[in-house]
Amino acid sequence: MKPFNLEEALAGKPVVTRDGDPVTQIVKFDIKNNIPYSIAGIHNGHICTWSYEGIFNISTDTQHQMDLFMAPESKFLWINLWQQLHENGNYKTTVHTREDLADLEIENNVTLTHIQKLTMIL
């Protein structure tokens, strides 16, 4: 998992717990006293607090399921499904990392019959 980054979290990048649960509305409190839990956020409908490093329980050296991490970024693939126009009736797929390229292929292809464009999130 990608380590918690306070600046990215405050900028709106997705944050999750060690278990992968989303944490939203991350807020940093500038407290002059050395209070250990100066980050707050919403987890499963509850307000929870963490250290600036995203640690839920700093009183122990053990990992906690509520420690914060940056959510993995989703990757998208666009897959065009084609039927070939010759006698064997086989299907063909083409995979693109950009949707505009998948659409361009659909517009410009004259040798295959386009069946469907699929989006896959990894």
PDB file of N, CA and C in Angstrom:
ATOM      1  N   MET A   1       0.841  -1.183   0.000  1.00  0.00           N
ATOM      2  CA  MET A   1       0.000   0.000   0.000  1.00  0.00           C
ATOM      3  C   MET A   1       0.884   1.243   0.000  1.00  0.00           C
ATOM      4  N   LYS A   2       0.366   2.287  -0.613  1.00  0.00           N
ATOM      5  CA  LYS A   2       1.116   3.542  -0.690  1.00  0.00           C
ATOM      6  C   LYS A   2       1.021   4.270   0.660  1.00  0.00           C
ATOM      7  N   PRO A   3       2.145   4.703   1.219  1.00  0.00           N
ATOM      8  CA  PRO A   3       2.117   5.375   2.523  1.00  0.00           C
ATOM      9  C   PRO A   3       1.224   6.619   2.504  1.00  0.00           C
ATOM     10  N   PHE A   4       0.682   6.940   3.663  1.00  0.00           N
ATOM     11  CA  PHE A   4      -0.164   8.116   3.816  1.00  0.00           C
ATOM     12  C   PHE A   4       0.651   9.374   3.543  1.00  0.00           C
ATOM     13  N   ASN A   5       0.056  10.288   2.782  1.00  0.00           N
ATOM     14  CA  ASN A   5       0.684  11.562   2.467  1.00  0.00           C
ATOM     15  C   ASN A   5      -0.320  12.649   2.812  1.00  0.00           C
ATOM     16  N   LEU A   6      -0.032  13.398   3.863  1.00  0.00           N
ATOM     17  CA  LEU A   6      -0.976  14.391   4.373  1.00  0.00           C
ATOM     18  C   LEU A   6      -1.317  15.444   3.324  1.00  0.00           C
ATOM     19  N   GLU A   7      -0.320  15.941   2.605  1.00  0.00           N
ATOM     20  CA  GLU A   7      -0.583  16.990   1.610  1.00  0.00           C
ATOM     21  C   GLU A   7      -1.511  16.480   0.505  1.00  0.00           C
ATOM     22  N   GLU A   8      -1.265  15.257   0.032  1.00  0.00           N
ATOM     23  CA  GLU A   8      -2.125  14.688  -1.005  1.00  0.00           C
ATOM     24  C   GLU A   8      -3.541  14.452  -0.477  1.00  0.00           C
ATOM     25  N   ALA A   9      -3.639  13.990   0.759  1.00  0.00           N
ATOM     26  CA  ALA A   9      -4.951  13.753   1.363  1.00  0.00           C
ATOM     27  C   ALA A   9      -5.731  15.056   1.485  1.00  0.00           C
ATOM     28  N   LEU A  10      -5.069  16.109   1.925  1.00  0.00           N
ATOM     29  CA  LEU A  10      -5.729  17.405   2.061  1.00  0.00           C
ATOM     30  C   LEU A  10      -6.114  17.985   0.701  1.00  0.00           C
ATOM     31  N   ALA A  11      -5.372  17.599  -0.336  1.00  0.00           N
ATOM     32  CA  ALA A  11      -5.686  18.055  -1.695  1.00  0.00           C
ATOM     33  C   ALA A  11      -6.829  17.256  -2.314  1.00  0.00           C
ATOM     34  N   GLY A  12      -7.323  16.247  -1.603  1.00  0.00           N
ATOM     35  CA  GLY A  12      -8.487  15.507  -2.081  1.00  0.00           C
ATOM     36  C   GLY A  12      -8.219  14.138  -2.657  1.00  0.00           C
ATOM     37  N   LYS A  13      -6.951  13.688  -2.647  1.00  0.00           N
ATOM     38  CA  LYS A  13      -6.690  12.336  -3.156  1.00  0.00           C
ATOM     39  C   LYS A  13      -7.312  11.316  -2.202  1.00  0.00           C
ATOM     40  N   PRO A  14      -7.781  10.183  -2.732  1.00  0.00           N
ATOM     41  CA  PRO A  14      -8.472   9.193  -1.898  1.00  0.00           C
ATOM     42  C   PRO A  14      -7.562   8.558  -0.850  1.00  0.00           C
ATOM     43  N   VAL A  15      -8.154   8.352   0.323  1.00  0.00           N
ATOM     44  CA  VAL A  15      -7.449   7.769   1.470  1.00  0.00           C
ATOM     45  C   VAL A  15      -8.242   6.556   1.943  1.00  0.00           C
ATOM     46  N   VAL A  16      -7.514   5.524   2.376  1.00  0.00           N
ATOM     47  CA  VAL A  16      -8.151   4.315   2.903  1.00  0.00           C
ATOM     48  C   VAL A  16      -7.442   3.887   4.194  1.00  0.00           C
ATOM     49  N   THR A  17      -8.123   3.036   4.951  1.00  0.00           N
ATOM     50  CA  THR A  17      -7.491   2.422   6.113  1.00  0.00           C
ATOM     51  C   THR A  17      -6.658   1.223   5.657  1.00  0.00           C
ATOM     52  N   ARG A  18      -5.924   0.645   6.560  1.00  0.00           N
ATOM     53  CA  ARG A  18      -5.136  -0.552   6.247  1.00  0.00           C
ATOM     54  C   ARG A  18      -6.026  -1.657   5.682  1.00  0.00           C
ATOM     55  N   ASP A  19      -7.287  -1.711   6.127  1.00  0.00           N
ATOM     56  CA  ASP A  19      -8.245  -2.706   5.635  1.00  0.00           C
ATOM     57  C   ASP A  19      -8.840  -2.336   4.285  1.00  0.00           C
ATOM     58  N   GLY A  20      -8.544  -1.132   3.779  1.00  0.00           N
ATOM     59  CA  GLY A  20      -9.062  -0.713   2.486  1.00  0.00           C
ATOM     60  C   GLY A  20     -10.359   0.063   2.541  1.00  0.00           C
ATOM     61  N   ASP A  21     -10.850   0.365   3.746  1.00  0.00           N
ATOM     62  CA  ASP A  21     -12.078   1.149   3.880  1.00  0.00           C
ATOM     63  C   ASP A  21     -11.794   2.617   3.562  1.00  0.00           C
ATOM     64  N   PRO A  22     -12.691   3.294   2.836  1.00  0.00           N
ATOM     65  CA  PRO A  22     -12.455   4.700   2.512  1.00  0.00           C
ATOM     66  C   PRO A  22     -12.566   5.608   3.735  1.00  0.00           C
ATOM     67  N   VAL A  23     -11.737   6.636   3.754  1.00  0.00           N
ATOM     68  CA  VAL A  23     -11.791   7.689   4.766  1.00  0.00           C
ATOM     69  C   VAL A  23     -11.929   8.997   3.993  1.00  0.00           C
ATOM     70  N   THR A  24     -12.950   9.773   4.327  1.00  0.00           N
ATOM     71  CA  THR A  24     -13.236  10.996   3.580  1.00  0.00           C
ATOM     72  C   THR A  24     -13.159  12.214   4.487  1.00  0.00           C
ATOM     73  N   GLN A  25     -13.223  13.377   3.879  1.00  0.00           N
ATOM     74  CA  GLN A  25     -13.265  14.659   4.575  1.00  0.00           C
ATOM     75  C   GLN A  25     -12.089  14.821   5.548  1.00  0.00           C
ATOM     76  N   ILE A  26     -10.894  14.513   5.076  1.00  0.00           N
ATOM     77  CA  ILE A  26      -9.691  14.647   5.902  1.00  0.00           C
ATOM     78  C   ILE A  26      -9.472  16.120   6.234  1.00  0.00           C
ATOM     79  N   VAL A  27      -9.254  16.399   7.513  1.00  0.00           N
ATOM     80  CA  VAL A  27      -9.029  17.759   7.996  1.00  0.00           C
ATOM     81  C   VAL A  27      -7.805  17.754   8.892  1.00  0.00           C
ATOM     82  N   LYS A  28      -6.976  18.789   8.758  1.00  0.00           N
ATOM     83  CA  LYS A  28      -5.796  18.946   9.612  1.00  0.00           C
ATOM     84  C   LYS A  28      -6.062  20.097  10.574  1.00  0.00           C
ATOM     85  N   PHE A  29      -5.800  19.855  11.847  1.00  0.00           N
ATOM     86  CA  PHE A  29      -5.931  20.892  12.858  1.00  0.00           C
ATOM     87  C   PHE A  29      -4.544  21.376  13.239  1.00  0.00           C
ATOM     88  N   ASP A  30      -4.315  22.680  13.144  1.00  0.00           N
ATOM     89  CA  ASP A  30      -3.038  23.267  13.551  1.00  0.00           C
ATOM     90  C   ASP A  30      -3.120  23.585  15.036  1.00  0.00           C
ATOM     91  N   ILE A  31      -2.603  22.693  15.824  1.00  0.00           N
ATOM     92  CA  ILE A  31      -2.668  22.813  17.280  1.00  0.00           C
ATOM     93  C   ILE A  31      -1.265  23.068  17.802  1.00  0.00           C
ATOM     94  N   LYS A  32      -1.104  24.139  18.574  1.00  0.00           N
ATOM     95  CA  LYS A  32       0.220  24.515  19.054  1.00  0.00           C
ATOM     96  C   LYS A  32       0.757  23.528  20.085  1.00  0.00           C
ATOM     97  N   ASN A  33      -0.117  23.032  20.940  1.00  0.00           N
ATOM     98  CA  ASN A  33       0.336  22.019  21.897  1.00  0.00           C
ATOM     99  C   ASN A  33       0.628  20.746  21.126  1.00  0.00           C
ATOM    100  N   ASN A  34       1.481  19.944  21.618  1.00  0.00           N
ATOM    101  CA  ASN A  34       1.902  18.739  20.929  1.00  0.00           C
ATOM    102  C   ASN A  34       0.855  17.630  21.047  1.00  0.00           C
ATOM    103  N   ILE A  35      -0.351  17.862  20.577  1.00  0.00           N
ATOM    104  CA  ILE A  35      -1.413  16.861  20.648  1.00  0.00           C
ATOM    105  C   ILE A  35      -1.184  15.847  19.521  1.00  0.00           C
ATOM    106  N   PRO A  36      -1.131  14.562  19.856  1.00  0.00           N
ATOM    107  CA  PRO A  36      -0.733  13.566  18.855  1.00  0.00           C
ATOM    108  C   PRO A  36      -1.746  13.325  17.740  1.00  0.00           C
ATOM    109  N   TYR A  37      -3.042  13.526  17.983  1.00  0.00           N
ATOM    110  CA  TYR A  37      -4.043  13.203  16.977  1.00  0.00           C
ATOM    111  C   TYR A  37      -4.631  14.491  16.397  1.00  0.00           C
ATOM    112  N   SER A  38      -3.976  14.997  15.360  1.00  0.00           N
ATOM    113  CA  SER A  38      -4.356  16.300  14.801  1.00  0.00           C
ATOM    114  C   SER A  38      -4.988  16.202  13.415  1.00  0.00           C
ATOM    115  N   ILE A  39      -5.286  14.990  12.966  1.00  0.00           N
ATOM    116  CA  ILE A  39      -5.966  14.757  11.695  1.00  0.00           C
ATOM    117  C   ILE A  39      -7.306  14.112  12.021  1.00  0.00           C
ATOM    118  N   ALA A  40      -8.351  14.575  11.353  1.00  0.00           N
ATOM    119  CA  ALA A  40      -9.669  13.958  11.525  1.00  0.00           C
ATOM    120  C   ALA A  40     -10.236  13.618  10.153  1.00  0.00           C
ATOM    121  N   GLY A  41     -11.111  12.632  10.152  1.00  0.00           N
ATOM    122  CA  GLY A  41     -11.765  12.230   8.918  1.00  0.00           C
ATOM    123  C   GLY A  41     -12.984  11.380   9.229  1.00  0.00           C
ATOM    124  N   ILE A  42     -13.747  11.091   8.195  1.00  0.00           N
ATOM    125  CA  ILE A  42     -14.955  10.287   8.361  1.00  0.00           C
ATOM    126  C   ILE A  42     -14.676   8.861   7.893  1.00  0.00           C
ATOM    127  N   HIS A  43     -14.932   7.903   8.778  1.00  0.00           N
ATOM    128  CA  HIS A  43     -14.775   6.483   8.472  1.00  0.00           C
ATOM    129  C   HIS A  43     -16.048   5.769   8.899  1.00  0.00           C
ATOM    130  N   ASN A  44     -16.731   5.143   7.936  1.00  0.00           N
ATOM    131  CA  ASN A  44     -17.983   4.418   8.217  1.00  0.00           C
ATOM    132  C   ASN A  44     -18.986   5.270   9.004  1.00  0.00           C
ATOM    133  N   GLY A  45     -19.092   6.556   8.644  1.00  0.00           N
ATOM    134  CA  GLY A  45     -20.069   7.432   9.281  1.00  0.00           C
ATOM    135  C   GLY A  45     -19.659   7.997  10.624  1.00  0.00           C
ATOM    136  N   HIS A  46     -18.417   7.758  11.039  1.00  0.00           N
ATOM    137  CA  HIS A  46     -17.944   8.253  12.332  1.00  0.00           C
ATOM    138  C   HIS A  46     -16.738   9.169  12.137  1.00  0.00           C
ATOM    139  N   ILE A  47     -16.598  10.158  13.014  1.00  0.00           N
ATOM    140  CA  ILE A  47     -15.409  11.010  13.004  1.00  0.00           C
ATOM    141  C   ILE A  47     -14.319  10.285  13.776  1.00  0.00           C
ATOM    142  N   CYS A  48     -13.171  10.118  13.124  1.00  0.00           N
ATOM    143  CA  CYS A  48     -12.022   9.457  13.751  1.00  0.00           C
ATOM    144  C   CYS A  48     -10.821  10.395  13.661  1.00  0.00           C
ATOM    145  N   THR A  49      -9.818  10.150  14.505  1.00  0.00           N
ATOM    146  CA  THR A  49      -8.620  10.988  14.493  1.00  0.00           C
ATOM    147  C   THR A  49      -7.372  10.137  14.307  1.00  0.00           C
ATOM    148  N   TRP A  50      -6.340  10.783  13.742  1.00  0.00           N
ATOM    149  CA  TRP A  50      -5.062  10.141  13.467  1.00  0.00           C
ATOM    150  C   TRP A  50      -3.943  11.141  13.717  1.00  0.00           C
ATOM    151  N   SER A  51      -2.739  10.634  13.750  1.00  0.00           N
ATOM    152  CA  SER A  51      -1.569  11.510  13.820  1.00  0.00           C
ATOM    153  C   SER A  51      -1.313  12.100  12.436  1.00  0.00           C
ATOM    154  N   TYR A  52      -0.419  13.079  12.351  1.00  0.00           N
ATOM    155  CA  TYR A  52      -0.064  13.662  11.044  1.00  0.00           C
ATOM    156  C   TYR A  52       0.452  12.591  10.083  1.00  0.00           C
ATOM    157  N   GLU A  53       1.000  11.508  10.610  1.00  0.00           N
ATOM    158  CA  GLU A  53       1.538  10.424   9.774  1.00  0.00           C
ATOM    159  C   GLU A  53       0.478   9.397   9.406  1.00  0.00           C
ATOM    160  N   GLY A  54      -0.761   9.598   9.871  1.00  0.00           N
ATOM    161  CA  GLY A  54      -1.836   8.668   9.558  1.00  0.00           C
ATOM    162  C   GLY A  54      -1.908   7.473  10.494  1.00  0.00           C
ATOM    163  N   ILE A  55      -1.294   7.578  11.649  1.00  0.00           N
ATOM    164  CA  ILE A  55      -1.295   6.468  12.609  1.00  0.00           C
ATOM    165  C   ILE A  55      -2.490   6.615  13.544  1.00  0.00           C
ATOM    166  N   PHE A  56      -3.241   5.538  13.707  1.00  0.00           N
ATOM    167  CA  PHE A  56      -4.446   5.565  14.523  1.00  0.00           C
ATOM    168  C   PHE A  56      -4.144   5.463  16.013  1.00  0.00           C
ATOM    169  N   ASN A  57      -3.202   4.624  16.375  1.00  0.00           N
ATOM    170  CA  ASN A  57      -2.885   4.422  17.795  1.00  0.00           C
ATOM    171  C   ASN A  57      -1.377   4.533  17.975  1.00  0.00           C
ATOM    172  N   ILE A  58      -0.908   5.704  18.366  1.00  0.00           N
ATOM    173  CA  ILE A  58       0.546   5.909  18.487  1.00  0.00           C
ATOM    174  C   ILE A  58       1.115   5.389  19.795  1.00  0.00           C
ATOM    175  N   SER A  59       0.255   4.909  20.706  1.00  0.00           N
ATOM    176  CA  SER A  59       0.751   4.442  21.999  1.00  0.00           C
ATOM    177  C   SER A  59       1.370   3.050  21.930  1.00  0.00           C
ATOM    178  N   THR A  60       1.229   2.387  20.793  1.00  0.00           N
ATOM    179  CA  THR A  60       1.844   1.067  20.634  1.00  0.00           C
ATOM    180  C   THR A  60       2.692   1.065  19.368  1.00  0.00           C
ATOM    181  N   ASP A  61       3.578   0.109  19.274  1.00  0.00           N
ATOM    182  CA  ASP A  61       4.406  -0.029  18.080  1.00  0.00           C
ATOM    183  C   ASP A  61       3.782  -0.971  17.054  1.00  0.00           C
ATOM    184  N   THR A  62       2.573  -1.422  17.330  1.00  0.00           N
ATOM    185  CA  THR A  62       1.943  -2.374  16.420  1.00  0.00           C
ATOM    186  C   THR A  62       1.102  -1.646  15.372  1.00  0.00           C
ATOM    187  N   GLN A  63       0.930  -2.305  14.248  1.00  0.00           N
ATOM    188  CA  GLN A  63       0.091  -1.754  13.183  1.00  0.00           C
ATOM    189  C   GLN A  63      -1.371  -1.890  13.588  1.00  0.00           C
ATOM    190  N   HIS A  64      -2.165  -0.958  13.126  1.00  0.00           N
ATOM    191  CA  HIS A  64      -3.589  -0.983  13.448  1.00  0.00           C
ATOM    192  C   HIS A  64      -4.387  -0.983  12.149  1.00  0.00           C
ATOM    193  N   GLN A  65      -5.522  -1.672  12.134  1.00  0.00           N
ATOM    194  CA  GLN A  65      -6.353  -1.736  10.931  1.00  0.00           C
ATOM    195  C   GLN A  65      -6.869  -0.367  10.499  1.00  0.00           C
ATOM    196  N   MET A  66      -6.846   0.629  11.408  1.00  0.00           N
ATOM    197  CA  MET A  66      -7.338   1.966  11.088  1.00  0.00           C
ATOM    198  C   MET A  66      -6.230   2.928  10.653  1.00  0.00           C
ATOM    199  N   ASP A  67      -4.975   2.478  10.563  1.00  0.00           N
ATOM    200  CA  ASP A  67      -3.905   3.333  10.047  1.00  0.00           C
ATOM    201  C   ASP A  67      -4.257   3.764   8.627  1.00  0.00           C
ATOM    202  N   LEU A  68      -3.822   4.968   8.246  1.00  0.00           N
ATOM    203  CA  LEU A  68      -4.184   5.520   6.944  1.00  0.00           C
ATOM    204  C   LEU A  68      -3.139   5.248   5.873  1.00  0.00           C
ATOM    205  N   PHE A  69      -3.637   5.098   4.651  1.00  0.00           N
ATOM    206  CA  PHE A  69      -2.803   4.928   3.462  1.00  0.00           C
ATOM    207  C   PHE A  69      -3.473   5.668   2.313  1.00  0.00           C
ATOM    208  N   MET A  70      -2.709   5.967   1.301  1.00  0.00           N
ATOM    209  CA  MET A  70      -3.282   6.544   0.096  1.00  0.00           C
ATOM    210  C   MET A  70      -3.928   5.397  -0.688  1.00  0.00           C
ATOM    211  N   ALA A  71      -5.120   5.642  -1.188  1.00  0.00           N
ATOM    212  CA  ALA A  71      -5.838   4.612  -1.949  1.00  0.00           C
ATOM    213  C   ALA A  71      -5.098   4.339  -3.249  1.00  0.00           C
ATOM    214  N   PRO A  72      -5.056   3.086  -3.669  1.00  0.00           N
ATOM    215  CA  PRO A  72      -4.441   2.799  -4.965  1.00  0.00           C
ATOM    216  C   PRO A  72      -5.238   3.475  -6.066  1.00  0.00           C
ATOM    217  N   GLU A  73      -4.532   4.016  -7.030  1.00  0.00           N
ATOM    218  CA  GLU A  73      -5.208   4.684  -8.134  1.00  0.00           C
ATOM    219  C   GLU A  73      -5.750   3.647  -9.104  1.00  0.00           C
ATOM    220  N   SER A  74      -6.978   3.859  -9.523  1.00  0.00           N
ATOM    221  CA  SER A  74      -7.600   2.945 -10.490  1.00  0.00           C
ATOM    222  C   SER A  74      -6.975   3.156 -11.859  1.00  0.00           C
ATOM    223  N   LYS A  75      -6.803   2.066 -12.568  1.00  0.00           N
ATOM    224  CA  LYS A  75      -6.322   2.119 -13.940  1.00  0.00           C
ATOM    225  C   LYS A  75      -7.445   1.626 -14.826  1.00  0.00           C
ATOM    226  N   PHE A  76      -7.614   2.280 -15.955  1.00  0.00           N
ATOM    227  CA  PHE A  76      -8.692   1.957 -16.870  1.00  0.00           C
ATOM    228  C   PHE A  76      -8.138   1.393 -18.170  1.00  0.00           C
ATOM    229  N   LEU A  77      -8.862   0.437 -18.707  1.00  0.00           N
ATOM    230  CA  LEU A  77      -8.595  -0.075 -20.049  1.00  0.00           C
ATOM    231  C   LEU A  77      -9.910  -0.047 -20.805  1.00  0.00           C
ATOM    232  N   TRP A  78      -9.831   0.264 -22.103  1.00  0.00           N
ATOM    233  CA  TRP A  78     -11.003   0.238 -22.962  1.00  0.00           C
ATOM    234  C   TRP A  78     -10.786  -0.865 -23.985  1.00  0.00           C
ATOM    235  N   ILE A  79     -11.759  -1.755 -24.071  1.00  0.00           N
ATOM    236  CA  ILE A  79     -11.638  -2.939 -24.915  1.00  0.00           C
ATOM    237  C   ILE A  79     -12.729  -2.896 -25.980  1.00  0.00           C
ATOM    238  N   ASN A  80     -12.302  -2.938 -27.221  1.00  0.00           N
ATOM    239  CA  ASN A  80     -13.256  -3.033 -28.329  1.00  0.00           C
ATOM    240  C   ASN A  80     -13.402  -4.496 -28.711  1.00  0.00           C
ATOM    241  N   LEU A  81     -14.636  -4.931 -28.806  1.00  0.00           N
ATOM    242  CA  LEU A  81     -14.949  -6.295 -29.226  1.00  0.00           C
ATOM    243  C   LEU A  81     -15.452  -6.231 -30.664  1.00  0.00           C
ATOM    244  N   TRP A  82     -14.803  -7.019 -31.528  1.00  0.00           N
ATOM    245  CA  TRP A  82     -15.086  -6.988 -32.965  1.00  0.00           C
ATOM    246  C   TRP A  82     -15.474  -8.378 -33.451  1.00  0.00           C
ATOM    247  N   GLN A  83     -16.291  -8.422 -34.502  1.00  0.00           N
ATOM    248  CA  GLN A  83     -16.538  -9.671 -35.212  1.00  0.00           C
ATOM    249  C   GLN A  83     -15.863  -9.540 -36.573  1.00  0.00           C
ATOM    250  N   GLN A  84     -15.009 -10.503 -36.870  1.00  0.00           N
ATOM    251  CA  GLN A  84     -14.316 -10.466 -38.152  1.00  0.00           C
ATOM    252  C   GLN A  84     -15.292 -10.798 -39.270  1.00  0.00           C
ATOM    253  N   LEU A  85     -15.068 -10.202 -40.415  1.00  0.00           N
ATOM    254  CA  LEU A  85     -16.021 -10.325 -41.514  1.00  0.00           C
ATOM    255  C   LEU A  85     -15.726 -11.483 -42.464  1.00  0.00           C
ATOM    256  N   HIS A  86     -14.977 -12.496 -42.037  1.00  0.00           N
ATOM    257  CA  HIS A  86     -14.765 -13.640 -42.923  1.00  0.00           C
ATOM    258  C   HIS A  86     -15.471 -14.872 -42.376  1.00  0.00           C
ATOM    259  N   GLU A  87     -15.408 -15.956 -43.122  1.00  0.00           N
ATOM    260  CA  GLU A  87     -16.275 -17.110 -42.900  1.00  0.00           C
ATOM    261  C   GLU A  87     -16.140 -17.801 -41.543  1.00  0.00           C
ATOM    262  N   ASN A  88     -14.986 -17.696 -40.849  1.00  0.00           N
ATOM    263  CA  ASN A  88     -14.842 -18.459 -39.603  1.00  0.00           C
ATOM    264  C   ASN A  88     -15.589 -17.820 -38.424  1.00  0.00           C
ATOM    265  N   GLY A  89     -16.062 -16.570 -38.549  1.00  0.00           N
ATOM    266  CA  GLY A  89     -16.884 -15.954 -37.517  1.00  0.00           C
ATOM    267  C   GLY A  89     -16.173 -15.685 -36.205  1.00  0.00           C
ATOM    268  N   ASN A  90     -14.872 -15.679 -36.208  1.00  0.00           N
ATOM    269  CA  ASN A  90     -14.132 -15.423 -34.981  1.00  0.00           C
ATOM    270  C   ASN A  90     -14.324 -13.990 -34.490  1.00  0.00           C
ATOM    271  N   TYR A  91     -14.092 -13.827 -33.194  1.00  0.00           N
ATOM    272  CA  TYR A  91     -14.133 -12.496 -32.588  1.00  0.00           C
ATOM    273  C   TYR A  91     -12.714 -12.042 -32.296  1.00  0.00           C
ATOM    274  N   LYS A  92     -12.555 -10.748 -32.258  1.00  0.00           N
ATOM    275  CA  LYS A  92     -11.248 -10.154 -32.004  1.00  0.00           C
ATOM    276  C   LYS A  92     -11.442  -9.037 -30.995  1.00  0.00           C
ATOM    277  N   THR A  93     -10.449  -8.832 -30.127  1.00  0.00           N
ATOM    278  CA  THR A  93     -10.495  -7.702 -29.198  1.00  0.00           C
ATOM    279  C   THR A  93      -9.261  -6.841 -29.391  1.00  0.00           C
ATOM    280  N   THR A  94      -9.436  -5.572 -29.151  1.00  0.00           N
ATOM    281  CA  THR A  94      -8.304  -4.644 -29.113  1.00  0.00           C
ATOM    282  C   THR A  94      -8.398  -3.890 -27.799  1.00  0.00           C
ATOM    283  N   VAL A  95      -7.258  -3.640 -27.188  1.00  0.00           N
ATOM    284  CA  VAL A  95      -7.211  -3.018 -25.867  1.00  0.00           C
ATOM    285  C   VAL A  95      -6.478  -1.683 -25.970  1.00  0.00           C
ATOM    286  N   HIS A  96      -7.059  -0.668 -25.299  1.00  0.00           N
ATOM    287  CA  HIS A  96      -6.473   0.674 -25.321  1.00  0.00           C
ATOM    288  C   HIS A  96      -6.360   1.221 -23.904  1.00  0.00           C
ATOM    289  N   THR A  97      -5.340   2.016 -23.665  1.00  0.00           N
ATOM    290  CA  THR A  97      -5.162   2.663 -22.357  1.00  0.00           C
ATOM    291  C   THR A  97      -5.788   4.052 -22.333  1.00  0.00           C
ATOM    292  N   ARG A  98      -6.314   4.496 -23.470  1.00  0.00           N
ATOM    293  CA  ARG A  98      -7.014   5.787 -23.552  1.00  0.00           C
ATOM    294  C   ARG A  98      -8.329   5.586 -24.286  1.00  0.00           C
ATOM    295  N   GLU A  99      -9.398   6.148 -23.725  1.00  0.00           N
ATOM    296  CA  GLU A  99     -10.715   5.975 -24.329  1.00  0.00           C
ATOM    297  C   GLU A  99     -10.804   6.656 -25.691  1.00  0.00           C
ATOM    298  N   ASP A 100     -10.145   7.795 -25.857  1.00  0.00           N
ATOM    299  CA  ASP A 100     -10.218   8.482 -27.144  1.00  0.00           C
ATOM    300  C   ASP A 100      -9.621   7.638 -28.266  1.00  0.00           C
ATOM    301  N   LEU A 101      -8.586   6.850 -27.953  1.00  0.00           N
ATOM    302  CA  LEU A 101      -8.002   5.978 -28.974  1.00  0.00           C
ATOM    303  C   LEU A 101      -8.927   4.811 -29.310  1.00  0.00           C
ATOM    304  N   ALA A 102      -9.626   4.303 -28.306  1.00  0.00           N
ATOM    305  CA  ALA A 102     -10.599   3.235 -28.561  1.00  0.00           C
ATOM    306  C   ALA A 102     -11.718   3.761 -29.451  1.00  0.00           C
ATOM    307  N   ASP A 103     -12.184   4.974 -29.186  1.00  0.00           N
ATOM    308  CA  ASP A 103     -13.248   5.566 -30.003  1.00  0.00           C
ATOM    309  C   ASP A 103     -12.764   5.846 -31.423  1.00  0.00           C
ATOM    310  N   LEU A 104     -11.547   6.306 -31.546  1.00  0.00           N
ATOM    311  CA  LEU A 104     -10.978   6.593 -32.870  1.00  0.00           C
ATOM    312  C   LEU A 104     -10.892   5.312 -33.704  1.00  0.00           C
ATOM    313  N   GLU A 105     -10.509   4.219 -33.054  1.00  0.00           N
ATOM    314  CA  GLU A 105     -10.435   2.941 -33.765  1.00  0.00           C
ATOM    315  C   GLU A 105     -11.817   2.527 -34.275  1.00  0.00           C
ATOM    316  N   ILE A 106     -12.848   2.738 -33.451  1.00  0.00           N
ATOM    317  CA  ILE A 106     -14.213   2.394 -33.863  1.00  0.00           C
ATOM    318  C   ILE A 106     -14.614   3.204 -35.097  1.00  0.00           C
ATOM    319  N   GLU A 107     -14.307   4.492 -35.067  1.00  0.00           N
ATOM    320  CA  GLU A 107     -14.680   5.378 -36.177  1.00  0.00           C
ATOM    321  C   GLU A 107     -13.965   5.021 -37.480  1.00  0.00           C
ATOM    322  N   ASN A 108     -12.699   4.587 -37.372  1.00  0.00           N
ATOM    323  CA  ASN A 108     -11.878   4.394 -38.575  1.00  0.00           C
ATOM    324  C   ASN A 108     -11.803   2.971 -39.097  1.00  0.00           C
ATOM    325  N   ASN A 109     -12.338   1.997 -38.373  1.00  0.00           N
ATOM    326  CA  ASN A 109     -12.202   0.613 -38.799  1.00  0.00           C
ATOM    327  C   ASN A 109     -13.284   0.256 -39.812  1.00  0.00           C
ATOM    328  N   VAL A 110     -12.862  -0.216 -40.982  1.00  0.00           N
ATOM    329  CA  VAL A 110     -13.823  -0.588 -42.027  1.00  0.00           C
ATOM    330  C   VAL A 110     -13.808  -2.086 -42.330  1.00  0.00           C
ATOM    331  N   THR A 111     -12.903  -2.835 -41.704  1.00  0.00           N
ATOM    332  CA  THR A 111     -12.792  -4.265 -42.018  1.00  0.00           C
ATOM    333  C   THR A 111     -13.428  -5.168 -40.971  1.00  0.00           C
ATOM    334  N   LEU A 112     -13.807  -4.625 -39.813  1.00  0.00           N
ATOM    335  CA  LEU A 112     -14.400  -5.435 -38.751  1.00  0.00           C
ATOM    336  C   LEU A 112     -15.743  -4.835 -38.341  1.00  0.00           C
ATOM    337  N   THR A 113     -16.635  -5.684 -37.853  1.00  0.00           N
ATOM    338  CA  THR A 113     -17.914  -5.208 -37.321  1.00  0.00           C
ATOM    339  C   THR A 113     -17.752  -5.000 -35.817  1.00  0.00           C
ATOM    340  N   HIS A 114     -17.988  -3.767 -35.358  1.00  0.00           N
ATOM    341  CA  HIS A 114     -17.840  -3.462 -33.931  1.00  0.00           C
ATOM    342  C   HIS A 114     -19.044  -3.994 -33.172  1.00  0.00           C
ATOM    343  N   ILE A 115     -18.788  -4.759 -32.112  1.00  0.00           N
ATOM    344  CA  ILE A 115     -19.852  -5.340 -31.296  1.00  0.00           C
ATOM    345  C   ILE A 115     -20.133  -4.442 -30.088  1.00  0.00           C
ATOM    346  N   GLN A 116     -19.058  -4.118 -29.322  1.00  0.00           N
ATOM    347  CA  GLN A 116     -19.248  -3.358 -28.090  1.00  0.00           C
ATOM    348  C   GLN A 116     -17.895  -2.826 -27.608  1.00  0.00           C
ATOM    349  N   LYS A 117     -17.957  -1.678 -26.925  1.00  0.00           N
ATOM    350  CA  LYS A 117     -16.781  -1.147 -26.232  1.00  0.00           C
ATOM    351  C   LYS A 117     -16.979  -1.386 -24.736  1.00  0.00           C
ATOM    352  N   LEU A 118     -16.017  -2.023 -24.105  1.00  0.00           N
ATOM    353  CA  LEU A 118     -16.069  -2.334 -22.692  1.00  0.00           C
ATOM    354  C   LEU A 118     -15.050  -1.487 -21.930  1.00  0.00           C
ATOM    355  N   THR A 119     -15.357  -1.136 -20.695  1.00  0.00           N
ATOM    356  CA  THR A 119     -14.414  -0.435 -19.835  1.00  0.00           C
ATOM    357  C   THR A 119     -14.051  -1.355 -18.689  1.00  0.00           C
ATOM    358  N   MET A 120     -12.763  -1.529 -18.468  1.00  0.00           N
ATOM    359  CA  MET A 120     -12.277  -2.372 -17.388  1.00  0.00           C
ATOM    360  C   MET A 120     -11.511  -1.500 -16.397  1.00  0.00           C
ATOM    361  N   ILE A 121     -11.848  -1.608 -15.123  1.00  0.00           N
ATOM    362  CA  ILE A 121     -11.142  -0.881 -14.079  1.00  0.00           C
ATOM    363  C   ILE A 121     -10.280  -1.863 -13.322  1.00  0.00           C
ATOM    364  N   LEU A 122      -8.984  -1.572 -13.272  1.00  0.00           N
ATOM    365  CA  LEU A 122      -8.035  -2.459 -12.578  1.00  0.00           C
ATOM    366  C   LEU A 122      -7.711  -1.916 -11.221  1.00  0.00           C
TER     367      LEU A 122
END
